[in-house]
Amino acid sequence: MSPAPSTQIIAGVITVSDRASQGVYRDAGGPALKSAAEGYGWKVLAEALVPDNKQAIQRAVREHVSRGCHVILTTGGTGVALRDVTPEAVREIAVRELPGFGEVMRAESMKLTPNAILSRSLAVVVDKALVICLPGKPSGALECLGFVAGAVPHCIEILQERPTSC
């Protein structure tokens, strides 16, 4: 069941990248996710570009939550490099993890690339917001979001304590 037509999903997008945050290259992942979110009919209220740093990631997530975002999409920091700390950062501030999101993203991505097994993409709940941690490569982020986007409206209904068919 999707949210009632009058319910607008409010989204936030956070790009996690040392190099993009230092201006070494232009952020492509954040704008791609913003466009995808808007394509799902979600209103993007907040955007941030932060380095691969736990405290910076946590601060950005908390700021998005405090601004009223129902879903926060992060891109970057989900790989195996030593600086990839997005999963650890969000887990530390989460009230619960939703393992099905990561499982589906990896399983579906494995059909496209054997490197998907290296992904640490996941989803958690922070306060009453859903945080989905997506790959840093724009095409991977969009693909992974596409694999799980159908579950987002119902998850938001539950987190916002709206009556559902469950």
Protein backbone atom coordinates (compact mmCIF):
# COMPACT_ATOMS: atom_id res chain seq x y z
CA MET A 1 0.00 0.00 0.00
CA SER A 2 1.39 3.39 -0.97
CA PRO A 3 1.00 6.54 1.09
CA ALA A 4 -2.27 8.36 0.64
CA PRO A 5 -2.19 10.72 -2.36
CA SER A 6 -1.90 13.73 -0.04
CA THR A 7 1.19 12.26 1.60
CA GLN A 8 4.39 13.65 0.13
CA ILE A 9 7.60 11.71 0.73
CA ILE A 10 10.31 14.16 1.71
CA ALA A 11 13.81 13.07 0.71
CA GLY A 12 17.34 14.12 1.41
CA VAL A 13 20.48 13.25 -0.55
CA ILE A 14 23.99 13.00 0.88
CA THR A 15 27.08 12.44 -1.25
CA VAL A 16 29.99 10.95 0.70
CA SER A 17 33.27 11.61 -1.10
CA ASP A 18 36.61 12.99 -0.01
CA ARG A 19 37.53 14.06 -3.53
CA ALA A 20 34.19 15.62 -4.50
CA SER A 21 33.99 17.46 -1.16
CA GLN A 22 37.48 18.88 -1.85
CA GLY A 23 36.51 19.99 -5.35
CA VAL A 24 38.83 17.49 -7.10
CA TYR A 25 35.89 16.47 -9.29
CA ARG A 26 32.24 17.34 -9.68
CA ASP A 27 29.71 15.31 -7.71
CA ALA A 28 27.64 13.26 -10.16
CA GLY A 29 26.03 10.82 -7.71
CA GLY A 30 24.08 13.32 -5.64
CA PRO A 31 22.45 15.05 -8.62
CA ALA A 32 21.62 11.67 -10.18
CA LEU A 33 19.92 10.49 -6.98
CA LYS A 34 18.06 13.79 -6.64
CA SER A 35 16.68 13.38 -10.14
CA ALA A 36 15.72 9.75 -9.47
CA ALA A 37 13.98 10.67 -6.20
CA GLU A 38 12.01 13.38 -7.97
CA GLY A 39 11.13 10.81 -10.64
CA TYR A 40 9.56 8.67 -7.92
CA GLY A 41 7.47 11.68 -6.92
CA TRP A 42 9.49 12.44 -3.80
CA LYS A 43 10.28 16.03 -2.85
CA VAL A 44 14.01 16.54 -2.29
CA LEU A 45 14.29 18.96 0.60
CA ALA A 46 17.95 18.70 1.58
CA GLU A 47 21.28 17.93 -0.07
CA ALA A 48 24.79 17.64 1.33
CA LEU A 49 28.29 16.80 0.16
CA VAL A 50 30.58 15.49 2.90
CA PRO A 51 33.98 13.78 3.14
CA ASP A 52 34.43 10.11 4.05
CA ASN A 53 34.33 10.85 7.76
CA LYS A 54 32.01 9.24 10.30
CA GLN A 55 31.22 12.44 12.18
CA ALA A 56 30.53 14.41 8.97
CA ILE A 57 28.24 11.66 7.67
CA GLN A 58 26.38 11.40 10.98
CA ARG A 59 25.99 15.18 11.22
CA ALA A 60 24.55 15.34 7.68
CA VAL A 61 22.11 12.49 8.37
CA ARG A 62 20.95 14.11 11.62
CA GLU A 63 20.53 17.49 9.88
CA HIS A 64 18.39 15.87 7.18
CA VAL A 65 16.29 14.11 9.83
CA SER A 66 15.82 17.37 11.74
CA ARG A 67 14.68 19.08 8.52
CA GLY A 68 11.89 16.53 8.21
CA CYS A 69 13.25 14.10 5.62
CA HIS A 70 11.40 10.78 5.56
CA VAL A 71 14.01 9.05 3.40
CA ILE A 72 17.70 9.92 3.17
CA LEU A 73 19.74 8.57 0.28
CA THR A 74 23.48 8.43 0.68
CA THR A 75 25.85 7.71 -2.19
CA GLY A 76 29.44 6.67 -1.60
CA GLY A 77 31.50 5.08 1.12
CA THR A 78 29.94 1.60 0.87
CA GLY A 79 32.92 -0.20 -0.67
CA VAL A 80 35.87 -1.95 0.91
CA ALA A 81 38.46 0.86 0.89
CA LEU A 82 39.73 1.93 4.30
CA ARG A 83 38.07 5.36 3.89
CA ASP A 84 34.66 3.76 3.10
CA VAL A 85 32.91 4.30 6.43
CA THR A 86 29.31 5.14 5.51
CA PRO A 87 27.80 1.87 6.81
CA GLU A 88 29.64 2.17 10.11
CA ALA A 89 28.64 5.82 10.48
CA VAL A 90 24.92 5.25 9.95
CA ARG A 91 24.82 2.05 12.02
CA GLU A 92 26.16 3.98 15.01
CA ILE A 93 23.17 6.34 14.98
CA ALA A 94 20.52 3.86 13.83
CA VAL A 95 17.71 2.49 15.95
CA ARG A 96 17.51 -0.59 13.70
CA GLU A 97 18.89 -2.04 10.50
CA LEU A 98 16.69 -3.30 7.66
CA PRO A 99 18.83 -6.10 6.18
CA GLY A 100 16.44 -6.90 3.33
CA PHE A 101 17.40 -3.70 1.52
CA GLY A 102 21.09 -4.60 1.34
CA GLU A 103 20.31 -8.22 0.51
CA VAL A 104 18.12 -7.24 -2.44
CA MET A 105 20.54 -4.59 -3.70
CA ARG A 106 23.43 -7.06 -3.70
CA ALA A 107 21.45 -9.96 -5.15
CA GLU A 108 20.09 -7.90 -8.02
CA SER A 109 23.43 -6.18 -8.62
CA MET A 110 25.18 -9.56 -8.85
CA LYS A 111 23.16 -10.13 -12.02
CA LEU A 112 24.95 -7.08 -13.49
CA THR A 113 28.49 -7.29 -12.08
CA PRO A 114 30.47 -9.78 -10.02
CA ASN A 115 31.89 -6.83 -8.05
CA ALA A 116 28.50 -6.34 -6.37
CA ILE A 117 29.61 -8.88 -3.79
CA LEU A 118 31.97 -6.19 -2.45
CA SER A 119 29.14 -3.73 -1.77
CA ARG A 120 28.17 -2.90 1.80
CA SER A 121 24.98 -1.06 0.81
CA LEU A 122 22.32 -1.13 3.50
CA ALA A 123 19.32 0.60 5.00
CA VAL A 124 18.68 1.68 8.57
CA VAL A 125 16.16 3.64 10.58
CA VAL A 126 17.39 6.84 12.25
CA ASP A 127 14.67 8.31 14.46
CA LYS A 128 11.64 8.04 12.11
CA ALA A 129 13.61 8.30 8.86
CA LEU A 130 14.71 5.60 6.46
CA VAL A 131 18.39 5.95 5.48
CA ILE A 132 19.47 4.01 2.39
CA CYS A 133 23.22 3.78 1.79
CA LEU A 134 23.93 3.35 -1.91
CA PRO A 135 27.09 2.83 -3.96
CA GLY A 136 29.19 5.81 -4.99
CA LYS A 137 29.14 5.08 -8.71
CA PRO A 138 26.10 6.98 -10.05
CA SER A 139 24.86 4.11 -12.23
CA GLY A 140 25.19 1.68 -9.31
CA ALA A 141 23.39 4.05 -6.96
CA LEU A 142 20.50 4.46 -9.38
CA GLU A 143 20.26 0.74 -10.08
CA CYS A 144 20.28 -0.14 -6.38
CA LEU A 145 17.69 2.50 -5.56
CA GLY A 146 15.52 1.11 -8.34
CA PHE A 147 15.70 -2.37 -6.81
CA VAL A 148 14.28 -1.16 -3.46
CA ALA A 149 12.26 2.00 -4.22
CA GLY A 150 8.98 0.09 -4.28
CA ALA A 151 9.31 -0.68 -0.56
CA VAL A 152 10.03 2.92 0.46
CA PRO A 153 6.47 4.33 0.60
CA HIS A 154 5.19 1.55 2.86
CA CYS A 155 8.26 1.78 5.08
CA ILE A 156 7.71 5.53 5.44
CA GLU A 157 4.05 4.98 6.35
CA ILE A 158 5.07 2.60 9.12
CA LEU A 159 7.86 4.86 10.41
CA GLN A 160 5.50 7.84 10.43
CA GLU A 161 2.98 5.70 12.34
CA ARG A 162 0.28 6.03 9.70
CA PRO A 163 -2.41 3.34 9.50
CA THR A 164 -1.50 0.63 6.98
CA SER A 165 -3.04 -2.57 5.70
CA CYS A 166 -0.57 -4.61 7.82
